[in-house]
All heavy atoms as atom14 arrays in JSON, in Angstrom:
{
  "sequence": "GQERFAARFGSLTAAHPTVPGGETPQVLDVD",
  "atom14_mask": [
    [1, 1, 1, 1, 0, 0, 0, 0, 0, 0, 0, 0, 0, 0],
    [1, 1, 1, 1, 1, 1, 1, 1, 1, 0, 0, 0, 0, 0],
    [1, 1, 1, 1, 1, 1, 1, 1, 1, 0, 0, 0, 0, 0],
    [1, 1, 1, 1, 1, 1, 1, 1, 1, 1, 1, 0, 0, 0],
    [1, 1, 1, 1, 1, 1, 1, 1, 1, 1, 1, 0, 0, 0],
    [1, 1, 1, 1, 1, 0, 0, 0, 0, 0, 0, 0, 0, 0],
    [1, 1, 1, 1, 1, 0, 0, 0, 0, 0, 0, 0, 0, 0],
    [1, 1, 1, 1, 1, 1, 1, 1, 1, 1, 1, 0, 0, 0],
    [1, 1, 1, 1, 1, 1, 1, 1, 1, 1, 1, 0, 0, 0],
    [1, 1, 1, 1, 0, 0, 0, 0, 0, 0, 0, 0, 0, 0],
    [1, 1, 1, 1, 1, 1, 0, 0, 0, 0, 0, 0, 0, 0],
    [1, 1, 1, 1, 1, 1, 1, 1, 0, 0, 0, 0, 0, 0],
    [1, 1, 1, 1, 1, 1, 1, 0, 0, 0, 0, 0, 0, 0],
    [1, 1, 1, 1, 1, 0, 0, 0, 0, 0, 0, 0, 0, 0],
    [1, 1, 1, 1, 1, 0, 0, 0, 0, 0, 0, 0, 0, 0],
    [1, 1, 1, 1, 1, 1, 1, 1, 1, 1, 0, 0, 0, 0],
    [1, 1, 1, 1, 1, 1, 1, 0, 0, 0, 0, 0, 0, 0],
    [1, 1, 1, 1, 1, 1, 1, 0, 0, 0, 0, 0, 0, 0],
    [1, 1, 1, 1, 1, 1, 1, 0, 0, 0, 0, 0, 0, 0],
    [1, 1, 1, 1, 1, 1, 1, 0, 0, 0, 0, 0, 0, 0],
    [1, 1, 1, 1, 0, 0, 0, 0, 0, 0, 0, 0, 0, 0],
    [1, 1, 1, 1, 0, 0, 0, 0, 0, 0, 0, 0, 0, 0],
    [1, 1, 1, 1, 1, 1, 1, 1, 1, 0, 0, 0, 0, 0],
    [1, 1, 1, 1, 1, 1, 1, 0, 0, 0, 0, 0, 0, 0],
    [1, 1, 1, 1, 1, 1, 1, 0, 0, 0, 0, 0, 0, 0],
    [1, 1, 1, 1, 1, 1, 1, 1, 1, 0, 0, 0, 0, 0],
    [1, 1, 1, 1, 1, 1, 1, 0, 0, 0, 0, 0, 0, 0],
    [1, 1, 1, 1, 1, 1, 1, 1, 0, 0, 0, 0, 0, 0],
    [1, 1, 1, 1, 1, 1, 1, 1, 0, 0, 0, 0, 0, 0],
    [1, 1, 1, 1, 1, 1, 1, 0, 0, 0, 0, 0, 0, 0],
    [1, 1, 1, 1, 1, 1, 1, 1, 0, 0, 0, 0, 0, 0]
  ],
  "atom14_positions": [
    [[4.0, -7.21, 5.34], [4.05, -8.38, 4.54], [3.43, -8.17, 3.17], [3.89, -8.59, 2.16], [0.0, 0.0, 0.0], [0.0, 0.0, 0.0], [0.0, 0.0, 0.0], [0.0, 0.0, 0.0], [0.0, 0.0, 0.0], [0.0, 0.0, 0.0], [0.0, 0.0, 0.0], [0.0, 0.0, 0.0], [0.0, 0.0, 0.0], [0.0, 0.0, 0.0]],
    [[2.3, -7.38, 3.19], [1.64, -7.06, 1.89], [2.59, -6.23, 1.04], [2.67, -6.45, -0.2], [0.32, -6.25, 2.14], [-0.7, -7.1, 2.74], [-1.98, -6.31, 2.95], [-2.42, -5.57, 2.08], [-2.56, -6.37, 4.2], [0.0, 0.0, 0.0], [0.0, 0.0, 0.0], [0.0, 0.0, 0.0], [0.0, 0.0, 0.0], [0.0, 0.0, 0.0]],
    [[3.29, -5.32, 1.69], [4.27, -4.47, 0.88], [5.39, -5.34, 0.3], [5.76, -5.2, -0.88], [4.84, -3.36, 1.76], [3.93, -2.29, 1.96], [4.55, -1.11, 2.68], [5.57, -1.34, 3.48], [4.15, 0.05, 2.5], [0.0, 0.0, 0.0], [0.0, 0.0, 0.0], [0.0, 0.0, 0.0], [0.0, 0.0, 0.0], [0.0, 0.0, 0.0]],
    [[5.93, -6.23, 1.1], [7.0, -7.14, 0.62], [6.5, -7.94, -0.57], [7.2, -8.07, -1.58], [7.51, -8.05, 1.78], [8.46, -7.45, 2.68], [9.13, -8.48, 3.62], [8.1, -9.24, 4.35], [7.59, -8.9, 5.48], [7.9, -7.71, 6.05], [6.71, -9.61, 6.1], [0.0, 0.0, 0.0], [0.0, 0.0, 0.0], [0.0, 0.0, 0.0]],
    [[5.32, -8.52, -0.42], [4.78, -9.34, -1.52], [4.5, -8.52, -2.74], [4.88, -8.82, -3.84], [3.45, -9.98, -0.99], [2.8, -10.87, -2.02], [3.42, -12.0, -2.47], [1.57, -10.48, -2.53], [2.81, -12.8, -3.47], [0.98, -11.21, -3.52], [1.56, -12.41, -3.98], [0.0, 0.0, 0.0], [0.0, 0.0, 0.0], [0.0, 0.0, 0.0]],
    [[3.85, -7.38, -2.59], [3.48, -6.52, -3.73], [4.76, -6.03, -4.44], [4.76, -5.83, -5.68], [2.57, -5.38, -3.31], [0.0, 0.0, 0.0], [0.0, 0.0, 0.0], [0.0, 0.0, 0.0], [0.0, 0.0, 0.0], [0.0, 0.0, 0.0], [0.0, 0.0, 0.0], [0.0, 0.0, 0.0], [0.0, 0.0, 0.0], [0.0, 0.0, 0.0]],
    [[5.8, -5.75, -3.67], [7.03, -5.23, -4.27], [7.69, -6.21, -5.27], [8.45, -5.83, -6.1], [8.04, -4.84, -3.18], [0.0, 0.0, 0.0], [0.0, 0.0, 0.0], [0.0, 0.0, 0.0], [0.0, 0.0, 0.0], [0.0, 0.0, 0.0], [0.0, 0.0, 0.0], [0.0, 0.0, 0.0], [0.0, 0.0, 0.0], [0.0, 0.0, 0.0]],
    [[7.34, -7.49, -5.17], [7.86, -8.53, -6.09], [7.25, -8.31, -7.49], [7.74, -8.89, -8.43], [7.53, -9.93, -5.65], [8.14, -10.35, -4.26], [9.62, -10.56, -4.25], [10.12, -11.5, -5.22], [10.39, -12.76, -5.02], [10.07, -13.33, -3.89], [10.88, -13.5, -6.01], [0.0, 0.0, 0.0], [0.0, 0.0, 0.0], [0.0, 0.0, 0.0]],
    [[6.17, -7.51, -7.56], [5.58, -7.33, -8.84], [5.91, -5.93, -9.48], [5.52, -5.6, -10.63], [4.04, -7.38, -8.74], [3.64, -8.78, -8.33], [3.6, -9.2, -7.0], [3.34, -9.69, -9.29], [3.26, -10.45, -6.64], [3.01, -11.04, -8.94], [2.93, -11.36, -7.57], [0.0, 0.0, 0.0], [0.0, 0.0, 0.0], [0.0, 0.0, 0.0]],
    [[6.61, -5.08, -8.79], [7.0, -3.77, -9.3], [7.04, -2.73, -8.24], [6.79, -3.0, -7.05], [0.0, 0.0, 0.0], [0.0, 0.0, 0.0], [0.0, 0.0, 0.0], [0.0, 0.0, 0.0], [0.0, 0.0, 0.0], [0.0, 0.0, 0.0], [0.0, 0.0, 0.0], [0.0, 0.0, 0.0], [0.0, 0.0, 0.0], [0.0, 0.0, 0.0]],
    [[7.24, -1.49, -8.62], [7.35, -0.41, -7.66], [5.96, -0.11, -7.02], [4.91, -0.18, -7.74], [7.82, 0.82, -8.39], [9.11, 0.64, -8.92], [0.0, 0.0, 0.0], [0.0, 0.0, 0.0], [0.0, 0.0, 0.0], [0.0, 0.0, 0.0], [0.0, 0.0, 0.0], [0.0, 0.0, 0.0], [0.0, 0.0, 0.0], [0.0, 0.0, 0.0]],
    [[6.09, 0.18, -5.76], [4.77, 0.48, -5.06], [4.46, 1.94, -5.08], [5.33, 2.78, -5.22], [4.97, 0.1, -3.6], [5.28, -1.39, -3.31], [5.29, -1.66, -1.78], [4.23, -2.28, -3.98], [0.0, 0.0, 0.0], [0.0, 0.0, 0.0], [0.0, 0.0, 0.0], [0.0, 0.0, 0.0], [0.0, 0.0, 0.0], [0.0, 0.0, 0.0]],
    [[3.16, 2.24, -5.13], [2.67, 3.59, -5.08], [1.86, 3.83, -3.76], [1.7, 2.89, -3.02], [1.79, 3.89, -6.29], [0.69, 3.03, -6.25], [2.51, 3.64, -7.63], [0.0, 0.0, 0.0], [0.0, 0.0, 0.0], [0.0, 0.0, 0.0], [0.0, 0.0, 0.0], [0.0, 0.0, 0.0], [0.0, 0.0, 0.0], [0.0, 0.0, 0.0]],
    [[1.36, 5.01, -3.61], [0.51, 5.32, -2.43], [-0.72, 4.39, -2.59], [-1.2, 4.18, -3.69], [0.15, 6.76, -2.43], [0.0, 0.0, 0.0], [0.0, 0.0, 0.0], [0.0, 0.0, 0.0], [0.0, 0.0, 0.0], [0.0, 0.0, 0.0], [0.0, 0.0, 0.0], [0.0, 0.0, 0.0], [0.0, 0.0, 0.0], [0.0, 0.0, 0.0]],
    [[-1.29, 4.05, -1.5], [-2.45, 3.18, -1.49], [-3.69, 3.82, -2.17], [-4.43, 3.16, -2.88], [-2.81, 2.79, -0.04], [0.0, 0.0, 0.0], [0.0, 0.0, 0.0], [0.0, 0.0, 0.0], [0.0, 0.0, 0.0], [0.0, 0.0, 0.0], [0.0, 0.0, 0.0], [0.0, 0.0, 0.0], [0.0, 0.0, 0.0], [0.0, 0.0, 0.0]],
    [[-3.83, 5.08, -1.93], [-4.9, 5.84, -2.52], [-4.51, 7.29, -2.72], [-3.81, 7.84, -1.83], [-6.13, 5.74, -1.61], [-7.44, 6.24, -2.16], [-7.72, 7.56, -2.14], [-8.49, 5.6, -2.72], [-8.9, 7.73, -2.7], [-9.37, 6.57, -3.04], [0.0, 0.0, 0.0], [0.0, 0.0, 0.0], [0.0, 0.0, 0.0], [0.0, 0.0, 0.0]],
    [[-4.94, 7.99, -3.68], [-4.49, 9.36, -3.92], [-5.01, 10.33, -2.9], [-4.35, 11.41, -2.65], [-5.02, 9.7, -5.32], [-6.13, 8.78, -5.56], [-5.82, 7.52, -4.78], [0.0, 0.0, 0.0], [0.0, 0.0, 0.0], [0.0, 0.0, 0.0], [0.0, 0.0, 0.0], [0.0, 0.0, 0.0], [0.0, 0.0, 0.0], [0.0, 0.0, 0.0]],
    [[-6.17, 10.1, -2.23], [-6.65, 11.09, -1.29], [-6.91, 10.6, 0.11], [-7.12, 11.38, 1.01], [-7.99, 11.71, -1.8], [-8.95, 10.65, -1.94], [-7.82, 12.38, -3.13], [0.0, 0.0, 0.0], [0.0, 0.0, 0.0], [0.0, 0.0, 0.0], [0.0, 0.0, 0.0], [0.0, 0.0, 0.0], [0.0, 0.0, 0.0], [0.0, 0.0, 0.0]],
    [[-6.89, 9.24, 0.28], [-7.19, 8.7, 1.57], [-5.84, 8.07, 2.07], [-5.24, 7.27, 1.48], [-8.23, 7.52, 1.5], [-8.47, 6.91, 2.83], [-9.52, 8.07, 0.91], [0.0, 0.0, 0.0], [0.0, 0.0, 0.0], [0.0, 0.0, 0.0], [0.0, 0.0, 0.0], [0.0, 0.0, 0.0], [0.0, 0.0, 0.0], [0.0, 0.0, 0.0]],
    [[-5.37, 8.55, 3.28], [-4.14, 8.05, 3.77], [-4.15, 6.6, 4.14], [-5.22, 6.07, 4.55], [-3.87, 8.92, 5.02], [-5.19, 9.45, 5.39], [-5.99, 9.49, 4.17], [0.0, 0.0, 0.0], [0.0, 0.0, 0.0], [0.0, 0.0, 0.0], [0.0, 0.0, 0.0], [0.0, 0.0, 0.0], [0.0, 0.0, 0.0], [0.0, 0.0, 0.0]],
    [[-3.04, 5.87, 3.95], [-2.95, 4.44, 4.38], [-2.99, 4.26, 5.82], [-2.98, 5.21, 6.61], [0.0, 0.0, 0.0], [0.0, 0.0, 0.0], [0.0, 0.0, 0.0], [0.0, 0.0, 0.0], [0.0, 0.0, 0.0], [0.0, 0.0, 0.0], [0.0, 0.0, 0.0], [0.0, 0.0, 0.0], [0.0, 0.0, 0.0], [0.0, 0.0, 0.0]],
    [[-2.96, 3.01, 6.2], [-2.96, 2.69, 7.64], [-1.56, 2.62, 8.24], [-0.89, 3.64, 8.33], [0.0, 0.0, 0.0], [0.0, 0.0, 0.0], [0.0, 0.0, 0.0], [0.0, 0.0, 0.0], [0.0, 0.0, 0.0], [0.0, 0.0, 0.0], [0.0, 0.0, 0.0], [0.0, 0.0, 0.0], [0.0, 0.0, 0.0], [0.0, 0.0, 0.0]],
    [[-1.05, 1.36, 8.46], [0.25, 1.2, 9.08], [1.32, 1.68, 8.11], [2.39, 2.12, 8.54], [0.47, -0.26, 9.33], [-0.4, -0.88, 10.38], [-0.12, -2.35, 10.55], [1.0, -2.81, 10.52], [-1.09, -3.11, 10.71], [0.0, 0.0, 0.0], [0.0, 0.0, 0.0], [0.0, 0.0, 0.0], [0.0, 0.0, 0.0], [0.0, 0.0, 0.0]],
    [[1.11, 1.6, 6.81], [2.08, 2.01, 5.82], [1.35, 2.81, 4.71], [0.17, 2.57, 4.48], [2.73, 0.78, 5.17], [1.73, -0.03, 4.52], [3.43, -0.11, 6.19], [0.0, 0.0, 0.0], [0.0, 0.0, 0.0], [0.0, 0.0, 0.0], [0.0, 0.0, 0.0], [0.0, 0.0, 0.0], [0.0, 0.0, 0.0], [0.0, 0.0, 0.0]],
    [[2.05, 3.67, 4.06], [1.39, 4.55, 3.05], [1.02, 3.75, 1.77], [0.14, 4.18, 1.0], [2.43, 5.58, 2.68], [3.73, 5.09, 3.25], [3.41, 4.08, 4.29], [0.0, 0.0, 0.0], [0.0, 0.0, 0.0], [0.0, 0.0, 0.0], [0.0, 0.0, 0.0], [0.0, 0.0, 0.0], [0.0, 0.0, 0.0], [0.0, 0.0, 0.0]],
    [[1.48, 2.52, 1.58], [1.18, 1.77, 0.42], [0.03, 0.78, 0.62], [-0.41, 0.12, -0.36], [2.42, 0.98, -0.14], [3.51, 1.84, -0.66], [4.36, 2.54, 0.33], [4.45, 2.01, 1.42], [5.01, 3.6, -0.03], [0.0, 0.0, 0.0], [0.0, 0.0, 0.0], [0.0, 0.0, 0.0], [0.0, 0.0, 0.0], [0.0, 0.0, 0.0]],
    [[-0.48, 0.63, 1.86], [-1.53, -0.33, 2.14], [-2.72, 0.46, 2.76], [-2.56, 1.14, 3.74], [-1.08, -1.43, 3.11], [-2.15, -2.35, 3.45], [0.1, -2.2, 2.45], [0.0, 0.0, 0.0], [0.0, 0.0, 0.0], [0.0, 0.0, 0.0], [0.0, 0.0, 0.0], [0.0, 0.0, 0.0], [0.0, 0.0, 0.0], [0.0, 0.0, 0.0]],
    [[-3.86, 0.33, 2.08], [-5.09, 0.95, 2.59], [-6.03, -0.15, 3.13], [-6.42, -1.03, 2.4], [-5.77, 1.74, 1.52], [-7.09, 2.34, 1.86], [-6.93, 3.41, 2.95], [-7.82, 2.91, 0.62], [0.0, 0.0, 0.0], [0.0, 0.0, 0.0], [0.0, 0.0, 0.0], [0.0, 0.0, 0.0], [0.0, 0.0, 0.0], [0.0, 0.0, 0.0]],
    [[-6.3, -0.14, 4.42], [-7.27, -1.1, 4.97], [-8.67, -0.73, 4.51], [-9.11, 0.38, 4.76], [-7.2, -1.05, 6.47], [-5.93, -1.66, 7.09], [-5.32, -2.46, 6.47], [-5.46, -1.07, 8.08], [0.0, 0.0, 0.0], [0.0, 0.0, 0.0], [0.0, 0.0, 0.0], [0.0, 0.0, 0.0], [0.0, 0.0, 0.0], [0.0, 0.0, 0.0]],
    [[-9.3, -1.62, 3.82], [-10.69, -1.38, 3.36], [-11.53, -2.23, 4.37], [-11.81, -3.39, 4.13], [-10.91, -1.83, 1.91], [-12.38, -1.57, 1.48], [-9.94, -1.11, 0.98], [0.0, 0.0, 0.0], [0.0, 0.0, 0.0], [0.0, 0.0, 0.0], [0.0, 0.0, 0.0], [0.0, 0.0, 0.0], [0.0, 0.0, 0.0], [0.0, 0.0, 0.0]],
    [[-11.94, -1.52, 5.43], [-12.55, -2.21, 6.52], [-13.69, -1.32, 7.12], [-13.4, -0.2, 7.53], [-11.46, -2.45, 7.6], [-12.03, -3.23, 8.84], [-13.23, -3.45, 8.95], [-11.18, -3.72, 9.64], [0.0, 0.0, 0.0], [0.0, 0.0, 0.0], [0.0, 0.0, 0.0], [0.0, 0.0, 0.0], [0.0, 0.0, 0.0], [0.0, 0.0, 0.0]]
  ]
}
């Protein structure tokens, strides 16, 4: 859902250049 929402604002990039994302590569859980 975060990806769908964010895509309404433009192209998505990797969540972080050196830390892999969680469920999806464009979303990084900061937890």
